[in-house]
Amino acid sequence: MAVKILIGGVTGLLPYGLGNVDLPLAACLLGGSIRAALAGSFRGIGVPAPWLPPSRCTIRLATDTRMLLAPAIP
């Protein structure tokens, strides 16, 4: 387990050491993902259990469709 953590840390820091990481962008992405996880956890508490899988599939289908139909960035 310690070897996995060491290898993960080294491979995570390698792009930073090479200057390939945009730190403000990474901070915004991290902050957004934490807020989204907390919001999703609180919203999921009030949803009945049988509704969760269909609602997840619907949301996933909508976001994937949006990504596929979005114009490519030149």
Protein backbone atom coordinates (compact mmCIF):
# COMPACT_ATOMS: atom_id res chain seq x y z
CA MET A 1 0.00 0.00 0.00
CA ALA A 2 2.82 2.40 0.83
CA VAL A 3 4.40 1.72 -2.57
CA LYS A 4 1.12 2.59 -4.30
CA ILE A 5 0.91 5.88 -2.42
CA LEU A 6 4.54 6.67 -3.24
CA ILE A 7 4.13 5.89 -6.94
CA GLY A 8 0.87 7.86 -7.09
CA GLY A 9 2.49 10.85 -5.44
CA VAL A 10 5.51 10.79 -7.73
CA THR A 11 3.44 10.45 -10.89
CA GLY A 12 1.14 13.21 -9.67
CA LEU A 13 4.01 15.60 -8.95
CA LEU A 14 5.96 14.85 -12.11
CA PRO A 15 3.83 17.02 -14.43
CA TYR A 16 3.98 19.81 -11.84
CA GLY A 17 7.77 19.61 -11.80
CA LEU A 18 7.85 19.81 -15.58
CA GLY A 19 5.69 22.95 -15.54
CA ASN A 20 2.68 21.36 -17.22
CA VAL A 21 0.15 22.15 -14.49
CA ASP A 22 -2.03 25.27 -14.43
CA LEU A 23 -2.36 25.72 -10.65
CA PRO A 24 -5.27 28.22 -10.66
CA LEU A 25 -7.23 25.94 -12.99
CA ALA A 26 -6.43 22.88 -10.87
CA ALA A 27 -7.56 24.73 -7.72
CA CYS A 28 -10.85 25.73 -9.37
CA LEU A 29 -11.48 22.18 -10.55
CA LEU A 30 -10.76 20.79 -7.10
CA GLY A 31 -12.99 23.34 -5.40
CA GLY A 32 -15.81 22.69 -7.84
CA SER A 33 -15.59 18.93 -7.49
CA ILE A 34 -15.69 19.12 -3.69
CA ARG A 35 -18.74 21.42 -3.75
CA ALA A 36 -20.48 19.20 -6.30
CA ALA A 37 -19.84 16.09 -4.20
CA LEU A 38 -21.24 17.75 -1.09
CA ALA A 39 -24.29 19.08 -2.94
CA GLY A 40 -24.94 15.69 -4.51
CA SER A 41 -24.66 13.96 -1.15
CA PHE A 42 -27.16 16.30 0.45
CA ARG A 43 -29.57 16.07 -2.50
CA GLY A 44 -29.36 12.28 -2.58
CA ILE A 45 -30.54 11.94 1.01
CA GLY A 46 -34.08 13.06 0.15
CA VAL A 47 -34.47 10.91 -2.97
CA PRO A 48 -36.17 7.53 -2.55
CA ALA A 49 -33.82 4.61 -3.23
CA PRO A 50 -35.72 3.16 -6.24
CA TRP A 51 -35.42 6.51 -8.05
CA LEU A 52 -31.64 6.79 -7.77
CA PRO A 53 -30.47 4.49 -10.61
CA PRO A 54 -32.91 5.87 -13.24
CA SER A 55 -32.13 9.45 -12.25
CA ARG A 56 -28.37 8.82 -12.44
CA CYS A 57 -28.79 7.24 -15.87
CA THR A 58 -30.86 10.17 -17.09
CA ILE A 59 -28.34 12.74 -15.88
CA ARG A 60 -25.46 10.75 -17.35
CA LEU A 61 -27.24 10.42 -20.69
CA ALA A 62 -27.93 14.15 -20.80
CA THR A 63 -24.35 15.15 -19.98
CA ASP A 64 -22.82 12.62 -22.38
CA THR A 65 -25.12 13.72 -25.18
CA ARG A 66 -24.18 17.33 -24.52
CA MET A 67 -20.49 16.48 -24.67
CA LEU A 68 -20.89 14.56 -27.94
CA LEU A 69 -22.93 17.30 -29.63
CA ALA A 70 -20.78 20.20 -28.46
CA PRO A 71 -18.71 21.84 -31.17
CA ALA A 72 -15.00 21.09 -31.11
CA ILE A 73 -12.72 23.82 -29.83
CA PRO A 74 -10.44 24.91 -32.67
